[in-house]
Amino acid sequence: MAERVTLLVGRIGRAHGLTGEVNVVVRTDAPEQRFAVGAVFELGTGRKLTVAATRWHRGALLLRLEEVTDRTGAEELRGEMLTVSAEELPPPDDPDEFHDHQLIGLRAELADGAPVGTVRDVVHGPAGELLVLGRDGGPDALVPFVRDIVPTVDLAAGRVVLTPPEGLLDV
């Protein structure tokens, strides 16, 4: 049986007001979709929370949750991570766009088929995304996730093909 993959979409911050609203630190690029009324999140404890209302206030997202009716209940949630099942995410509209969980675990190889390692993580930085490649017997390699260096992502075959510039994969 495949392991269930959950994705972090937000972290609950401080309570706002007396009726149980919470401030949310957004960790998704589609907050309007992720935090729509009726959306259900799972906490690390397994507890589920349902969005009753959302609004933006001074640049911060505020949520009212069906299960929380007062400030005390809201404060008890402070620091909790809001997650959703990866299965709930629709596929990206752009065929050249991928969710992180789709890339993690893919085999990385050169154009000639030589193995390089396995994608362990995707790092989102100000200059773009980097694939973190775990390598047998060596340190991890950071590979810019750009078409010139990663021309092929083949989810069905479980691999990414790399055409790195000279020296990128050197230890």
Protein backbone atom coordinates (compact mmCIF):
# COMPACT_ATOMS: atom_id res chain seq x y z
CA MET A 1 0.00 0.00 0.00
CA ALA A 2 1.36 3.44 -0.95
CA GLU A 3 2.22 5.87 1.80
CA ARG A 4 -0.33 8.67 2.20
CA VAL A 5 1.27 12.00 1.29
CA THR A 6 0.12 15.15 3.06
CA LEU A 7 1.07 18.66 2.08
CA LEU A 8 1.49 21.68 4.30
CA VAL A 9 -0.74 24.57 3.18
CA GLY A 10 -0.61 26.79 6.25
CA ARG A 11 0.26 27.26 9.90
CA ILE A 12 -2.16 28.66 12.44
CA GLY A 13 -0.93 31.83 14.09
CA ARG A 14 -2.51 33.91 16.83
CA ALA A 15 -6.18 34.24 17.57
CA HIS A 16 -8.00 37.25 16.16
CA GLY A 17 -10.94 38.69 18.05
CA LEU A 18 -13.27 36.89 20.42
CA THR A 19 -15.23 34.60 18.07
CA GLY A 20 -12.50 32.06 17.29
CA GLU A 21 -10.94 33.48 14.14
CA VAL A 22 -7.31 32.53 13.57
CA ASN A 23 -4.53 34.18 11.62
CA VAL A 24 -2.96 31.79 9.10
CA VAL A 25 0.57 31.86 7.73
CA VAL A 26 -0.12 30.75 4.15
CA ARG A 27 2.15 28.06 2.68
CA THR A 28 0.46 27.60 -0.69
CA ASP A 29 0.45 29.59 -3.89
CA ALA A 30 -3.34 29.16 -4.27
CA PRO A 31 -4.85 30.40 -0.99
CA GLU A 32 -8.22 31.21 -2.58
CA GLN A 33 -8.60 27.54 -3.54
CA ARG A 34 -6.98 25.91 -0.51
CA PHE A 35 -8.84 28.01 2.08
CA ALA A 36 -12.26 28.10 0.41
CA VAL A 37 -15.34 27.71 2.60
CA GLY A 38 -15.87 24.00 3.23
CA ALA A 39 -12.18 23.06 2.84
CA VAL A 40 -11.11 20.44 5.38
CA PHE A 41 -7.64 20.33 6.92
CA GLU A 42 -5.97 17.70 9.01
CA LEU A 43 -3.72 18.47 11.95
CA GLY A 44 -0.79 16.27 12.97
CA THR A 45 -2.97 14.81 15.71
CA GLY A 46 -5.51 13.60 13.15
CA ARG A 47 -8.05 16.22 14.18
CA LYS A 48 -9.93 17.72 11.23
CA LEU A 49 -10.90 21.37 10.86
CA THR A 50 -13.40 22.81 8.37
CA VAL A 51 -13.30 26.36 7.00
CA ALA A 52 -16.50 28.26 7.82
CA ALA A 53 -15.36 31.68 6.54
CA THR A 54 -12.28 33.46 5.25
CA ARG A 55 -11.27 37.07 4.92
CA TRP A 56 -8.15 39.11 4.40
CA HIS A 57 -7.31 41.70 7.06
CA ARG A 58 -4.27 43.98 6.67
CA GLY A 59 -2.56 41.49 4.37
CA ALA A 60 -3.16 38.50 6.65
CA LEU A 61 -5.55 35.62 6.03
CA LEU A 62 -8.11 35.09 8.78
CA LEU A 63 -10.09 31.86 9.06
CA ARG A 64 -13.17 31.03 11.03
CA LEU A 65 -13.36 27.28 11.59
CA GLU A 66 -16.57 25.34 12.24
CA GLU A 67 -14.99 23.51 15.17
CA VAL A 68 -13.74 26.66 16.96
CA THR A 69 -16.20 29.08 18.53
CA ASP A 70 -14.16 31.26 20.88
CA ARG A 71 -10.80 32.87 21.43
CA THR A 72 -9.67 30.15 23.87
CA GLY A 73 -10.23 27.45 21.26
CA ALA A 74 -8.42 29.55 18.66
CA GLU A 75 -5.40 30.10 20.95
CA GLU A 76 -5.17 26.34 21.58
CA LEU A 77 -4.56 25.86 17.84
CA ARG A 78 -1.66 28.30 17.66
CA GLY A 79 1.31 26.73 15.86
CA GLU A 80 -0.70 23.84 14.38
CA MET A 81 0.13 22.88 10.79
CA LEU A 82 -2.76 22.71 8.32
CA THR A 83 -2.31 19.85 5.84
CA VAL A 84 -4.26 18.34 2.97
CA SER A 85 -3.92 15.01 1.21
CA ALA A 86 -1.81 15.23 -1.95
CA GLU A 87 -4.55 13.25 -3.71
CA GLU A 88 -6.89 16.23 -3.30
CA LEU A 89 -4.71 18.50 -5.42
CA PRO A 90 -5.72 18.90 -9.03
CA PRO A 91 -2.93 18.40 -11.54
CA PRO A 92 -1.22 21.65 -12.58
CA ASP A 93 -2.61 23.33 -15.71
CA ASP A 94 0.86 23.77 -17.17
CA PRO A 95 2.44 20.47 -18.32
CA ASP A 96 5.86 21.84 -17.30
CA GLU A 97 4.73 22.49 -13.72
CA PHE A 98 4.86 19.90 -10.96
CA HIS A 99 3.91 19.59 -7.32
CA ASP A 100 6.91 18.92 -5.06
CA HIS A 101 5.55 15.55 -3.95
CA GLN A 102 5.47 14.40 -7.60
CA LEU A 103 9.21 15.00 -7.96
CA ILE A 104 10.43 13.62 -4.64
CA GLY A 105 11.57 10.03 -5.08
CA LEU A 106 12.20 10.24 -8.84
CA ARG A 107 15.39 8.67 -10.17
CA ALA A 108 17.82 11.24 -11.58
CA GLU A 109 19.92 10.18 -14.53
CA LEU A 110 22.03 11.72 -17.28
CA ALA A 111 20.86 11.77 -20.91
CA ASP A 112 22.91 8.59 -21.57
CA GLY A 113 21.08 6.78 -18.74
CA ALA A 114 23.91 6.98 -16.20
CA PRO A 115 22.44 7.19 -12.68
CA VAL A 116 23.03 10.36 -10.69
CA GLY A 117 20.85 9.86 -7.61
CA THR A 118 17.31 10.34 -6.34
CA VAL A 119 15.33 13.53 -5.85
CA ARG A 120 15.09 13.93 -2.06
CA ASP A 121 13.57 17.39 -1.85
CA VAL A 122 12.69 20.56 -3.73
CA VAL A 123 14.00 23.83 -2.31
CA HIS A 124 12.14 27.02 -3.21
CA GLY A 125 14.50 29.96 -3.17
CA PRO A 126 14.35 33.53 -4.39
CA ALA A 127 16.23 32.62 -7.57
CA GLY A 128 14.03 29.59 -8.35
CA GLU A 129 13.69 25.95 -7.42
CA LEU A 130 16.51 23.51 -6.72
CA LEU A 131 16.27 19.74 -6.78
CA VAL A 132 18.12 18.11 -3.89
CA LEU A 133 19.62 14.89 -5.21
CA GLY A 134 20.62 12.18 -2.78
CA ARG A 135 23.70 10.41 -4.13
CA ASP A 136 25.02 6.99 -3.18
CA GLY A 137 28.20 7.35 -1.19
CA GLY A 138 28.46 11.09 -1.63
CA PRO A 139 27.03 14.40 -0.51
CA ASP A 140 23.71 15.67 -1.84
CA ALA A 141 23.80 17.71 -5.03
CA LEU A 142 21.74 20.83 -5.67
CA VAL A 143 20.49 21.09 -9.24
CA PRO A 144 18.66 24.16 -10.57
CA PHE A 145 15.22 23.01 -11.75
CA VAL A 146 15.33 24.74 -15.14
CA ARG A 147 14.64 23.28 -18.58
CA ASP A 148 18.28 23.66 -19.77
CA ILE A 149 19.50 21.40 -16.95
CA VAL A 150 16.40 19.23 -16.37
CA PRO A 151 14.91 18.88 -19.86
CA THR A 152 12.80 15.81 -19.07
CA VAL A 153 10.51 14.96 -16.18
CA ASP A 154 8.91 11.58 -16.84
CA LEU A 155 6.53 10.85 -13.97
CA ALA A 156 5.30 7.61 -15.55
CA ALA A 157 8.85 6.23 -15.79
CA GLY A 158 9.80 7.65 -12.37
CA ARG A 159 12.75 9.67 -13.61
CA VAL A 160 14.20 13.07 -14.39
CA VAL A 161 16.86 13.46 -17.06
CA LEU A 162 19.71 15.88 -16.41
CA THR A 163 22.01 17.71 -18.82
CA PRO A 164 24.17 19.52 -16.25
CA PRO A 165 26.88 22.00 -17.19
CA GLU A 166 30.42 20.84 -16.52
CA GLY A 167 31.27 20.80 -12.82
CA LEU A 168 27.70 21.03 -11.47
CA LEU A 169 27.70 17.49 -10.10
CA ASP A 170 31.37 17.44 -9.03
CA VAL A 171 31.96 16.91 -5.34
